[in-house]
Amino acid sequence: MKKEEKTNVERLLTQKKISFKSYCYVDQPTTVGTEVAALMGQDPERVYKTLVTVGKSKANYIFMIPVAEELDLKKAAKAVGEKSIEMIPQKELLPLTGYIHGGCSPIGMKKLFPTTIHRTAEDYDTIIFSAGKIGYQVELSYADLAQVIRIQTADIIVE
């Protein structure tokens, strides 16, 4: 299916003169990360999902992990210096970030939240993640992502 217009994420990347590749699979919409990777013909280890959490301090944190993996809440809490963290309720996602479940991107949220990406992101030339709408993904390098949002890497997945 042909894309009608750029997402906010794509506009932001273009505005900052950051090169990226776009993927569109709106004719087969899914929010299951491994299905998204398969639709794009990509290795699920290079396709990342964006998770929004809240710490014991009530601060919010963003975590990006490969789509087939599970966030280790204890490792994630340690990575951001919290005693504990938990996933935010789905109904709070849109008001907090401006994104819906399945279309959440670390770029272009209503506020800049501390973002931690699983350490494997640095192993790839590029990674792929949501472009801010279901059916849209962007691919760019870790270094380019670091130019747009503040990120750190850590081991944050369940082994």
Protein backbone atom coordinates (compact mmCIF):
# COMPACT_ATOMS: atom_id res chain seq x y z
CA MET A 1 0.00 0.00 0.00
CA LYS A 2 1.24 3.48 -0.83
CA LYS A 3 1.94 5.87 2.01
CA GLU A 4 -0.12 9.03 1.96
CA GLU A 5 2.01 11.27 4.17
CA LYS A 6 4.94 11.27 6.57
CA THR A 7 4.41 10.49 10.25
CA ASN A 8 5.47 13.04 12.88
CA VAL A 9 8.56 10.91 13.54
CA GLU A 10 9.54 11.02 9.86
CA ARG A 11 8.95 14.77 9.72
CA LEU A 12 11.09 15.29 12.82
CA LEU A 13 13.94 13.18 11.38
CA THR A 14 13.73 15.03 8.05
CA GLN A 15 13.76 18.39 9.84
CA LYS A 16 16.93 17.37 11.72
CA LYS A 17 18.48 16.15 8.43
CA ILE A 18 18.87 12.60 9.71
CA SER A 19 18.77 9.89 7.07
CA PHE A 20 16.34 7.04 7.65
CA LYS A 21 14.46 4.38 5.78
CA SER A 22 10.67 4.05 6.06
CA TYR A 23 8.57 0.91 6.09
CA CYS A 24 4.82 0.84 5.61
CA TYR A 25 2.64 -2.21 6.09
CA VAL A 26 -0.76 -0.57 6.67
CA ASP A 27 -2.44 -3.06 4.33
CA GLN A 28 -1.60 -5.77 6.93
CA PRO A 29 -1.87 -3.93 10.26
CA THR A 30 -0.54 -5.77 13.28
CA THR A 31 0.87 -4.69 16.61
CA VAL A 32 2.68 -7.98 17.29
CA GLY A 33 6.36 -7.16 17.00
CA THR A 34 7.50 -10.49 15.60
CA GLU A 35 4.76 -10.27 12.94
CA VAL A 36 5.91 -6.74 12.08
CA ALA A 37 9.48 -8.00 11.61
CA ALA A 38 8.23 -10.84 9.39
CA LEU A 39 6.09 -8.48 7.27
CA MET A 40 9.16 -6.33 6.65
CA GLY A 41 11.41 -9.35 6.03
CA GLN A 42 13.67 -8.25 8.88
CA ASP A 43 15.52 -10.07 11.66
CA PRO A 44 13.40 -9.61 14.83
CA GLU A 45 16.63 -8.92 16.75
CA ARG A 46 16.97 -5.63 14.78
CA VAL A 47 13.32 -4.58 15.21
CA TYR A 48 12.71 -2.85 18.54
CA LYS A 49 9.56 -2.17 20.52
CA THR A 50 9.08 0.91 22.69
CA LEU A 51 7.83 0.34 26.23
CA VAL A 52 6.68 3.05 28.65
CA THR A 53 7.13 2.53 32.38
CA VAL A 54 6.75 4.37 35.64
CA GLY A 55 9.21 4.16 38.52
CA LYS A 56 8.59 4.08 42.27
CA SER A 57 9.48 7.81 42.21
CA LYS A 58 6.54 8.34 39.77
CA ALA A 59 8.99 9.33 37.00
CA ASN A 60 8.43 7.82 33.55
CA TYR A 61 11.04 5.91 31.57
CA ILE A 62 11.17 4.57 28.03
CA PHE A 63 12.77 1.22 27.22
CA MET A 64 13.48 -0.17 23.76
CA ILE A 65 14.05 -3.89 23.35
CA PRO A 66 14.03 -6.38 20.45
CA VAL A 67 10.42 -7.34 19.61
CA ALA A 68 10.82 -11.02 20.53
CA GLU A 69 12.26 -10.23 23.96
CA GLU A 70 10.73 -9.38 27.34
CA LEU A 71 11.72 -6.43 29.52
CA ASP A 72 13.35 -7.47 32.80
CA LEU A 73 11.77 -5.00 35.24
CA LYS A 74 14.52 -5.46 37.85
CA LYS A 75 17.34 -4.86 35.35
CA ALA A 76 15.41 -1.92 33.88
CA ALA A 77 14.90 -0.34 37.32
CA LYS A 78 18.60 -0.72 38.08
CA ALA A 79 19.53 0.86 34.72
CA VAL A 80 17.60 4.04 35.57
CA GLY A 81 18.40 4.14 39.30
CA GLU A 82 14.90 3.27 40.54
CA LYS A 83 13.95 0.82 43.32
CA SER A 84 11.29 -0.62 41.03
CA ILE A 85 9.44 0.11 37.81
CA GLU A 86 6.28 -1.17 36.19
CA MET A 87 4.57 -0.83 32.83
CA ILE A 88 2.11 2.06 32.70
CA PRO A 89 -1.56 1.14 32.22
CA GLN A 90 -2.44 1.13 28.50
CA LYS A 91 -5.11 3.83 28.99
CA GLU A 92 -2.39 6.25 30.19
CA LEU A 93 -0.20 5.80 27.09
CA LEU A 94 -1.94 8.26 24.73
CA PRO A 95 -2.32 11.13 27.24
CA LEU A 96 1.28 10.70 28.43
CA THR A 97 3.10 10.17 25.13
CA GLY A 98 0.73 11.17 22.34
CA TYR A 99 0.97 7.66 20.93
CA ILE A 100 -1.35 4.64 20.98
CA HIS A 101 -0.45 1.05 21.86
CA GLY A 102 1.29 -0.53 18.87
CA GLY A 103 2.34 2.83 17.44
CA CYS A 104 4.54 4.19 20.21
CA SER A 105 7.87 5.68 19.12
CA PRO A 106 10.69 6.97 21.33
CA ILE A 107 10.87 10.00 19.00
CA GLY A 108 8.30 12.80 19.17
CA MET A 109 6.66 12.04 22.51
CA LYS A 110 4.85 14.88 24.29
CA LYS A 111 7.77 15.05 26.75
CA LEU A 112 11.35 13.82 26.58
CA PHE A 113 11.66 10.87 28.93
CA PRO A 114 14.91 9.10 29.82
CA THR A 115 15.29 6.32 27.25
CA THR A 116 17.25 3.10 27.67
CA ILE A 117 17.77 0.78 24.73
CA HIS A 118 18.94 -2.80 25.02
CA ARG A 119 22.69 -2.98 24.53
CA THR A 120 22.41 -5.09 21.35
CA ALA A 121 21.29 -1.97 19.42
CA GLU A 122 24.93 -0.93 19.17
CA ASP A 123 25.77 -4.24 17.46
CA TYR A 124 23.81 -3.35 14.31
CA ASP A 125 24.45 -0.77 11.60
CA THR A 126 20.78 0.22 11.91
CA ILE A 127 17.75 -0.65 14.01
CA ILE A 128 14.06 -0.48 13.19
CA PHE A 129 11.27 0.82 15.42
CA SER A 130 7.84 2.44 15.27
CA ALA A 131 7.44 5.63 13.28
CA GLY A 132 4.59 6.67 15.57
CA LYS A 133 1.64 4.98 13.85
CA ILE A 134 0.52 1.40 13.53
CA GLY A 135 1.75 0.15 10.17
CA TYR A 136 4.77 2.47 9.97
CA GLN A 137 8.39 1.83 10.99
CA VAL A 138 11.66 3.73 10.57
CA GLU A 139 15.19 2.41 10.30
CA LEU A 140 18.21 4.41 11.39
CA SER A 141 21.53 4.01 13.13
CA TYR A 142 21.98 4.06 16.89
CA ALA A 143 24.23 7.13 16.49
CA ASP A 144 21.53 8.97 14.55
CA LEU A 145 18.89 8.04 17.13
CA ALA A 146 21.20 9.46 19.80
CA GLN A 147 21.14 12.80 17.95
CA VAL A 148 17.35 13.04 18.35
CA ILE A 149 16.76 11.70 21.88
CA ARG A 150 18.93 11.12 24.93
CA ILE A 151 19.57 7.38 25.13
CA GLN A 152 21.70 5.01 27.10
CA THR A 153 22.27 1.30 26.63
CA ALA A 154 21.96 -1.45 29.22
CA ASP A 155 21.22 -5.14 29.54
CA ILE A 156 17.46 -4.91 30.20
CA ILE A 157 15.93 -8.10 28.82
CA VAL A 158 14.97 -11.37 30.49
CA GLU A 159 17.71 -13.93 29.89
